[in-house]
Amino acid sequence: MSKYGPSRKELKLRMIVSAGGLLLLTVALALRGLPKGPAMFEVIGIAGVFFGGTFLWSLKNLLRRDHPDAS
C-alpha cells in the first residue's frame, strides 16, 4: 500500500473521466471517420494513450487497493 498518492475517490473520478474521454473519442471517430495525416497521430495516439493509460492506471490502483485510504 502506498502512503502517498491519490485517494480512492480521486482514482474513481479519474477513471470515470477517462472512460468518458475514451467514449467521446470513439463516438467522434465513428461519426467523422479516421483522420488523415498528422491528425491521426494527435487524435488516436495522444488522446487515446492518455485516456486509456489513465483509465488502466486508475483501475489497477483501485483493484490492488494501492491508495492511502485503503483499509
PDB file of N, CA and C in Angstrom:
ATOM      1  N   MET A   1       0.841  -1.182   0.000  1.00  0.00           N
ATOM      2  CA  MET A   1       0.000   0.000   0.000  1.00  0.00           C
ATOM      3  C   MET A   1       0.883   1.242   0.000  1.00  0.00           C
ATOM      4  N   SER A   2       0.495   2.213  -0.776  1.00  0.00           N
ATOM      5  CA  SER A   2       1.233   3.460  -0.889  1.00  0.00           C
ATOM      6  C   SER A   2       0.797   4.432   0.204  1.00  0.00           C
ATOM      7  N   LYS A   3       1.776   5.106   0.795  1.00  0.00           N
ATOM      8  CA  LYS A   3       1.462   6.087   1.821  1.00  0.00           C
ATOM      9  C   LYS A   3       0.990   7.402   1.195  1.00  0.00           C
ATOM     10  N   TYR A   4       1.462   7.672  -0.006  1.00  0.00           N
ATOM     11  CA  TYR A   4       1.133   8.902  -0.702  1.00  0.00           C
ATOM     12  C   TYR A   4       0.434   8.578  -2.017  1.00  0.00           C
ATOM     13  N   GLY A   5      -0.198   9.571  -2.586  1.00  0.00           N
ATOM     14  CA  GLY A   5      -0.845   9.375  -3.876  1.00  0.00           C
ATOM     15  C   GLY A   5      -2.309   9.750  -3.810  1.00  0.00           C
ATOM     16  N   PRO A   6      -2.995   9.586  -4.935  1.00  0.00           N
ATOM     17  CA  PRO A   6      -4.413   9.961  -4.982  1.00  0.00           C
ATOM     18  C   PRO A   6      -5.274   9.042  -4.118  1.00  0.00           C
ATOM     19  N   SER A   7      -6.320   9.621  -3.565  1.00  0.00           N
ATOM     20  CA  SER A   7      -7.240   8.850  -2.731  1.00  0.00           C
ATOM     21  C   SER A   7      -8.129   7.977  -3.614  1.00  0.00           C
ATOM     22  N   ARG A   8      -8.880   7.103  -2.977  1.00  0.00           N
ATOM     23  CA  ARG A   8      -9.805   6.216  -3.697  1.00  0.00           C
ATOM     24  C   ARG A   8     -10.835   7.032  -4.480  1.00  0.00           C
ATOM     25  N   LYS A   9     -11.330   8.086  -3.858  1.00  0.00           N
ATOM     26  CA  LYS A   9     -12.328   8.939  -4.505  1.00  0.00           C
ATOM     27  C   LYS A   9     -11.748   9.604  -5.757  1.00  0.00           C
ATOM     28  N   GLU A  10     -10.506  10.081  -5.664  1.00  0.00           N
ATOM     29  CA  GLU A  10      -9.874  10.715  -6.817  1.00  0.00           C
ATOM     30  C   GLU A  10      -9.580   9.693  -7.915  1.00  0.00           C
ATOM     31  N   LEU A  11      -9.183   8.487  -7.545  1.00  0.00           N
ATOM     32  CA  LEU A  11      -8.951   7.445  -8.545  1.00  0.00           C
ATOM     33  C   LEU A  11     -10.232   7.100  -9.292  1.00  0.00           C
ATOM     34  N   LYS A  12     -11.346   7.036  -8.562  1.00  0.00           N
ATOM     35  CA  LYS A  12     -12.635   6.768  -9.209  1.00  0.00           C
ATOM     36  C   LYS A  12     -12.997   7.889 -10.173  1.00  0.00           C
ATOM     37  N   LEU A  13     -12.776   9.133  -9.765  1.00  0.00           N
ATOM     38  CA  LEU A  13     -13.068  10.277 -10.624  1.00  0.00           C
ATOM     39  C   LEU A  13     -12.204  10.232 -11.884  1.00  0.00           C
ATOM     40  N   ARG A  14     -10.915   9.949 -11.723  1.00  0.00           N
ATOM     41  CA  ARG A  14     -10.016   9.855 -12.876  1.00  0.00           C
ATOM     42  C   ARG A  14     -10.462   8.754 -13.828  1.00  0.00           C
ATOM     43  N   MET A  15     -10.898   7.636 -13.289  1.00  0.00           N
ATOM     44  CA  MET A  15     -11.331   6.527 -14.122  1.00  0.00           C
ATOM     45  C   MET A  15     -12.609   6.887 -14.884  1.00  0.00           C
ATOM     46  N   ILE A  16     -13.538   7.558 -14.236  1.00  0.00           N
ATOM     47  CA  ILE A  16     -14.790   7.961 -14.879  1.00  0.00           C
ATOM     48  C   ILE A  16     -14.528   8.992 -15.981  1.00  0.00           C
ATOM     49  N   VAL A  17     -13.674   9.976 -15.700  1.00  0.00           N
ATOM     50  CA  VAL A  17     -13.353  10.999 -16.699  1.00  0.00           C
ATOM     51  C   VAL A  17     -12.625  10.364 -17.886  1.00  0.00           C
ATOM     52  N   SER A  18     -11.722   9.440 -17.621  1.00  0.00           N
ATOM     53  CA  SER A  18     -11.003   8.753 -18.700  1.00  0.00           C
ATOM     54  C   SER A  18     -11.942   7.904 -19.547  1.00  0.00           C
ATOM     55  N   ALA A  19     -12.869   7.212 -18.906  1.00  0.00           N
ATOM     56  CA  ALA A  19     -13.843   6.415 -19.660  1.00  0.00           C
ATOM     57  C   ALA A  19     -14.705   7.325 -20.527  1.00  0.00           C
ATOM     58  N   GLY A  20     -15.085   8.485 -20.006  1.00  0.00           N
ATOM     59  CA  GLY A  20     -15.847   9.448 -20.782  1.00  0.00           C
ATOM     60  C   GLY A  20     -15.051   9.964 -21.972  1.00  0.00           C
ATOM     61  N   GLY A  21     -13.773  10.241 -21.763  1.00  0.00           N
ATOM     62  CA  GLY A  21     -12.917  10.692 -22.855  1.00  0.00           C
ATOM     63  C   GLY A  21     -12.769   9.637 -23.934  1.00  0.00           C
ATOM     64  N   LEU A  22     -12.596   8.386 -23.525  1.00  0.00           N
ATOM     65  CA  LEU A  22     -12.498   7.292 -24.500  1.00  0.00           C
ATOM     66  C   LEU A  22     -13.810   7.121 -25.263  1.00  0.00           C
ATOM     67  N   LEU A  23     -14.926   7.272 -24.564  1.00  0.00           N
ATOM     68  CA  LEU A  23     -16.230   7.170 -25.212  1.00  0.00           C
ATOM     69  C   LEU A  23     -16.424   8.288 -26.235  1.00  0.00           C
ATOM     70  N   LEU A  24     -16.087   9.517 -25.851  1.00  0.00           N
ATOM     71  CA  LEU A  24     -16.202  10.641 -26.782  1.00  0.00           C
ATOM     72  C   LEU A  24     -15.273  10.475 -27.983  1.00  0.00           C
ATOM     73  N   LEU A  25     -14.064   9.980 -27.749  1.00  0.00           N
ATOM     74  CA  LEU A  25     -13.123   9.729 -28.836  1.00  0.00           C
ATOM     75  C   LEU A  25     -13.682   8.683 -29.792  1.00  0.00           C
ATOM     76  N   THR A  26     -14.268   7.629 -29.248  1.00  0.00           N
ATOM     77  CA  THR A  26     -14.856   6.574 -30.071  1.00  0.00           C
ATOM     78  C   THR A  26     -16.040   7.101 -30.881  1.00  0.00           C
ATOM     79  N   VAL A  27     -16.894   7.894 -30.250  1.00  0.00           N
ATOM     80  CA  VAL A  27     -18.055   8.460 -30.947  1.00  0.00           C
ATOM     81  C   VAL A  27     -17.592   9.399 -32.060  1.00  0.00           C
ATOM     82  N   ALA A  28     -16.594  10.231 -31.771  1.00  0.00           N
ATOM     83  CA  ALA A  28     -16.090  11.159 -32.789  1.00  0.00           C
ATOM     84  C   ALA A  28     -15.506  10.396 -33.978  1.00  0.00           C
ATOM     85  N   LEU A  29     -14.761   9.340 -33.705  1.00  0.00           N
ATOM     86  CA  LEU A  29     -14.188   8.544 -34.794  1.00  0.00           C
ATOM     87  C   LEU A  29     -15.278   7.822 -35.584  1.00  0.00           C
ATOM     88  N   ALA A  30     -16.310   7.376 -34.900  1.00  0.00           N
ATOM     89  CA  ALA A  30     -17.396   6.674 -35.579  1.00  0.00           C
ATOM     90  C   ALA A  30     -18.199   7.625 -36.478  1.00  0.00           C
ATOM     91  N   LEU A  31     -18.415   8.843 -36.000  1.00  0.00           N
ATOM     92  CA  LEU A  31     -19.207   9.803 -36.767  1.00  0.00           C
ATOM     93  C   LEU A  31     -18.411  10.476 -37.880  1.00  0.00           C
ATOM     94  N   ARG A  32     -17.161  10.813 -37.614  1.00  0.00           N
ATOM     95  CA  ARG A  32     -16.364  11.583 -38.568  1.00  0.00           C
ATOM     96  C   ARG A  32     -15.379  10.739 -39.368  1.00  0.00           C
ATOM     97  N   GLY A  33     -15.146   9.504 -38.950  1.00  0.00           N
ATOM     98  CA  GLY A  33     -14.174   8.664 -39.642  1.00  0.00           C
ATOM     99  C   GLY A  33     -12.761   8.913 -39.134  1.00  0.00           C
ATOM    100  N   LEU A  34     -11.829   8.127 -39.633  1.00  0.00           N
ATOM    101  CA  LEU A  34     -10.440   8.276 -39.223  1.00  0.00           C
ATOM    102  C   LEU A  34      -9.825   9.516 -39.858  1.00  0.00           C
ATOM    103  N   PRO A  35      -9.089  10.318 -39.070  1.00  0.00           N
ATOM    104  CA  PRO A  35      -8.437  11.494 -39.637  1.00  0.00           C
ATOM    105  C   PRO A  35      -7.245  11.094 -40.507  1.00  0.00           C
ATOM    106  N   LYS A  36      -6.817  12.006 -41.338  1.00  0.00           N
ATOM    107  CA  LYS A  36      -5.689  11.761 -42.236  1.00  0.00           C
ATOM    108  C   LYS A  36      -4.467  12.547 -41.755  1.00  0.00           C
ATOM    109  N   GLY A  37      -3.299  12.047 -42.034  1.00  0.00           N
ATOM    110  CA  GLY A  37      -2.048  12.750 -41.761  1.00  0.00           C
ATOM    111  C   GLY A  37      -1.733  12.873 -40.277  1.00  0.00           C
ATOM    112  N   PRO A  38      -1.156  14.036 -39.890  1.00  0.00           N
ATOM    113  CA  PRO A  38      -0.725  14.228 -38.501  1.00  0.00           C
ATOM    114  C   PRO A  38      -1.879  14.190 -37.500  1.00  0.00           C
ATOM    115  N   ALA A  39      -3.084  14.518 -37.944  1.00  0.00           N
ATOM    116  CA  ALA A  39      -4.233  14.497 -37.038  1.00  0.00           C
ATOM    117  C   ALA A  39      -4.489  13.086 -36.524  1.00  0.00           C
ATOM    118  N   MET A  40      -4.154  12.068 -37.323  1.00  0.00           N
ATOM    119  CA  MET A  40      -4.325  10.675 -36.897  1.00  0.00           C
ATOM    120  C   MET A  40      -3.482  10.404 -35.651  1.00  0.00           C
ATOM    121  N   PHE A  41      -2.230  10.862 -35.680  1.00  0.00           N
ATOM    122  CA  PHE A  41      -1.345  10.678 -34.523  1.00  0.00           C
ATOM    123  C   PHE A  41      -1.872  11.440 -33.313  1.00  0.00           C
ATOM    124  N   GLU A  42      -2.321  12.676 -33.544  1.00  0.00           N
ATOM    125  CA  GLU A  42      -2.786  13.509 -32.442  1.00  0.00           C
ATOM    126  C   GLU A  42      -4.047  12.938 -31.803  1.00  0.00           C
ATOM    127  N   VAL A  43      -5.009  12.587 -32.618  1.00  0.00           N
ATOM    128  CA  VAL A  43      -6.293  12.134 -32.087  1.00  0.00           C
ATOM    129  C   VAL A  43      -6.175  10.752 -31.465  1.00  0.00           C
ATOM    130  N   ILE A  44      -5.682   9.807 -32.223  1.00  0.00           N
ATOM    131  CA  ILE A  44      -5.644   8.438 -31.725  1.00  0.00           C
ATOM    132  C   ILE A  44      -4.447   8.212 -30.812  1.00  0.00           C
ATOM    133  N   GLY A  45      -3.288   8.708 -31.224  1.00  0.00           N
ATOM    134  CA  GLY A  45      -2.076   8.484 -30.449  1.00  0.00           C
ATOM    135  C   GLY A  45      -2.088   9.157 -29.100  1.00  0.00           C
ATOM    136  N   ILE A  46      -2.167  10.466 -29.105  1.00  0.00           N
ATOM    137  CA  ILE A  46      -2.040  11.212 -27.855  1.00  0.00           C
ATOM    138  C   ILE A  46      -3.286  11.069 -26.986  1.00  0.00           C
ATOM    139  N   ALA A  47      -4.467  11.350 -27.544  1.00  0.00           N
ATOM    140  CA  ALA A  47      -5.701  11.287 -26.738  1.00  0.00           C
ATOM    141  C   ALA A  47      -5.999   9.859 -26.304  1.00  0.00           C
ATOM    142  N   GLY A  48      -5.860   8.908 -27.214  1.00  0.00           N
ATOM    143  CA  GLY A  48      -6.140   7.513 -26.880  1.00  0.00           C
ATOM    144  C   GLY A  48      -5.211   6.961 -25.810  1.00  0.00           C
ATOM    145  N   VAL A  49      -3.924   7.257 -25.952  1.00  0.00           N
ATOM    146  CA  VAL A  49      -2.956   6.776 -24.961  1.00  0.00           C
ATOM    147  C   VAL A  49      -3.175   7.462 -23.618  1.00  0.00           C
ATOM    148  N   PHE A  50      -3.466   8.763 -23.634  1.00  0.00           N
ATOM    149  CA  PHE A  50      -3.687   9.485 -22.381  1.00  0.00           C
ATOM    150  C   PHE A  50      -4.906   8.936 -21.641  1.00  0.00           C
ATOM    151  N   PHE A  51      -6.051   8.904 -22.321  1.00  0.00           N
ATOM    152  CA  PHE A  51      -7.265   8.436 -21.656  1.00  0.00           C
ATOM    153  C   PHE A  51      -7.190   6.949 -21.321  1.00  0.00           C
ATOM    154  N   GLY A  52      -6.671   6.146 -22.237  1.00  0.00           N
ATOM    155  CA  GLY A  52      -6.547   4.711 -21.986  1.00  0.00           C
ATOM    156  C   GLY A  52      -5.578   4.401 -20.866  1.00  0.00           C
ATOM    157  N   GLY A  53      -4.441   5.080 -20.876  1.00  0.00           N
ATOM    158  CA  GLY A  53      -3.440   4.858 -19.824  1.00  0.00           C
ATOM    159  C   GLY A  53      -3.933   5.285 -18.460  1.00  0.00           C
ATOM    160  N   THR A  54      -4.596   6.435 -18.395  1.00  0.00           N
ATOM    161  CA  THR A  54      -5.139   6.915 -17.117  1.00  0.00           C
ATOM    162  C   THR A  54      -6.217   5.973 -16.597  1.00  0.00           C
ATOM    163  N   PHE A  55      -7.067   5.484 -17.497  1.00  0.00           N
ATOM    164  CA  PHE A  55      -8.110   4.540 -17.104  1.00  0.00           C
ATOM    165  C   PHE A  55      -7.499   3.264 -16.523  1.00  0.00           C
ATOM    166  N   LEU A  56      -6.534   2.695 -17.235  1.00  0.00           N
ATOM    167  CA  LEU A  56      -5.916   1.440 -16.777  1.00  0.00           C
ATOM    168  C   LEU A  56      -5.129   1.635 -15.485  1.00  0.00           C
ATOM    169  N   TRP A  57      -4.413   2.760 -15.360  1.00  0.00           N
ATOM    170  CA  TRP A  57      -3.641   3.026 -14.146  1.00  0.00           C
ATOM    171  C   TRP A  57      -4.568   3.168 -12.938  1.00  0.00           C
ATOM    172  N   SER A  58      -5.665   3.906 -13.114  1.00  0.00           N
ATOM    173  CA  SER A  58      -6.628   4.089 -12.020  1.00  0.00           C
ATOM    174  C   SER A  58      -7.284   2.758 -11.643  1.00  0.00           C
ATOM    175  N   LEU A  59      -7.679   1.981 -12.647  1.00  0.00           N
ATOM    176  CA  LEU A  59      -8.299   0.683 -12.391  1.00  0.00           C
ATOM    177  C   LEU A  59      -7.347  -0.246 -11.642  1.00  0.00           C
ATOM    178  N   LYS A  60      -6.090  -0.275 -12.058  1.00  0.00           N
ATOM    179  CA  LYS A  60      -5.089  -1.119 -11.398  1.00  0.00           C
ATOM    180  C   LYS A  60      -4.930  -0.730  -9.931  1.00  0.00           C
ATOM    181  N   ASN A  61      -4.827   0.578  -9.661  1.00  0.00           N
ATOM    182  CA  ASN A  61      -4.645   1.030  -8.280  1.00  0.00           C
ATOM    183  C   ASN A  61      -5.881   0.773  -7.428  1.00  0.00           C
ATOM    184  N   LEU A  62      -7.064   0.869  -8.022  1.00  0.00           N
ATOM    185  CA  LEU A  62      -8.278   0.576  -7.266  1.00  0.00           C
ATOM    186  C   LEU A  62      -8.382  -0.918  -6.951  1.00  0.00           C
ATOM    187  N   LEU A  63      -8.089  -1.760  -7.925  1.00  0.00           N
ATOM    188  CA  LEU A  63      -8.184  -3.199  -7.707  1.00  0.00           C
ATOM    189  C   LEU A  63      -7.134  -3.702  -6.713  1.00  0.00           C
ATOM    190  N   ARG A  64      -5.950  -3.125  -6.768  1.00  0.00           N
ATOM    191  CA  ARG A  64      -4.882  -3.538  -5.851  1.00  0.00           C
ATOM    192  C   ARG A  64      -4.979  -2.847  -4.497  1.00  0.00           C
ATOM    193  N   ARG A  65      -5.947  -1.945  -4.370  1.00  0.00           N
ATOM    194  CA  ARG A  65      -6.109  -1.129  -3.156  1.00  0.00           C
ATOM    195  C   ARG A  65      -4.825  -0.384  -2.817  1.00  0.00           C
ATOM    196  N   ASP A  66      -4.207   0.170  -3.855  1.00  0.00           N
ATOM    197  CA  ASP A  66      -2.944   0.878  -3.710  1.00  0.00           C
ATOM    198  C   ASP A  66      -3.206   2.385  -3.621  1.00  0.00           C
ATOM    199  N   HIS A  67      -3.867   2.793  -2.520  1.00  0.00           N
ATOM    200  CA  HIS A  67      -4.128   4.191  -2.274  1.00  0.00           C
ATOM    201  C   HIS A  67      -4.092   4.429  -0.782  1.00  0.00           C
ATOM    202  N   PRO A  68      -3.837   5.672  -0.352  1.00  0.00           N
ATOM    203  CA  PRO A  68      -3.624   5.959   1.079  1.00  0.00           C
ATOM    204  C   PRO A  68      -4.778   5.574   1.995  1.00  0.00           C
ATOM    205  N   ASP A  69      -6.015   5.672   1.541  1.00  0.00           N
ATOM    206  CA  ASP A  69      -7.145   5.406   2.431  1.00  0.00           C
ATOM    207  C   ASP A  69      -7.646   3.967   2.330  1.00  0.00           C
ATOM    208  N   ALA A  70      -6.810   3.039   1.857  1.00  0.00           N
ATOM    209  CA  ALA A  70      -7.199   1.629   1.802  1.00  0.00           C
ATOM    210  C   ALA A  70      -7.222   1.044   3.211  1.00  0.00           C
ATOM    211  N   SER A  71      -8.206   0.248   3.472  1.00  0.00           N
ATOM    212  CA  SER A  71      -8.329  -0.337   4.813  1.00  0.00           C
ATOM    213  C   SER A  71      -7.597  -1.644   4.917  1.00  0.00           C
TER     214      SER A  71
END
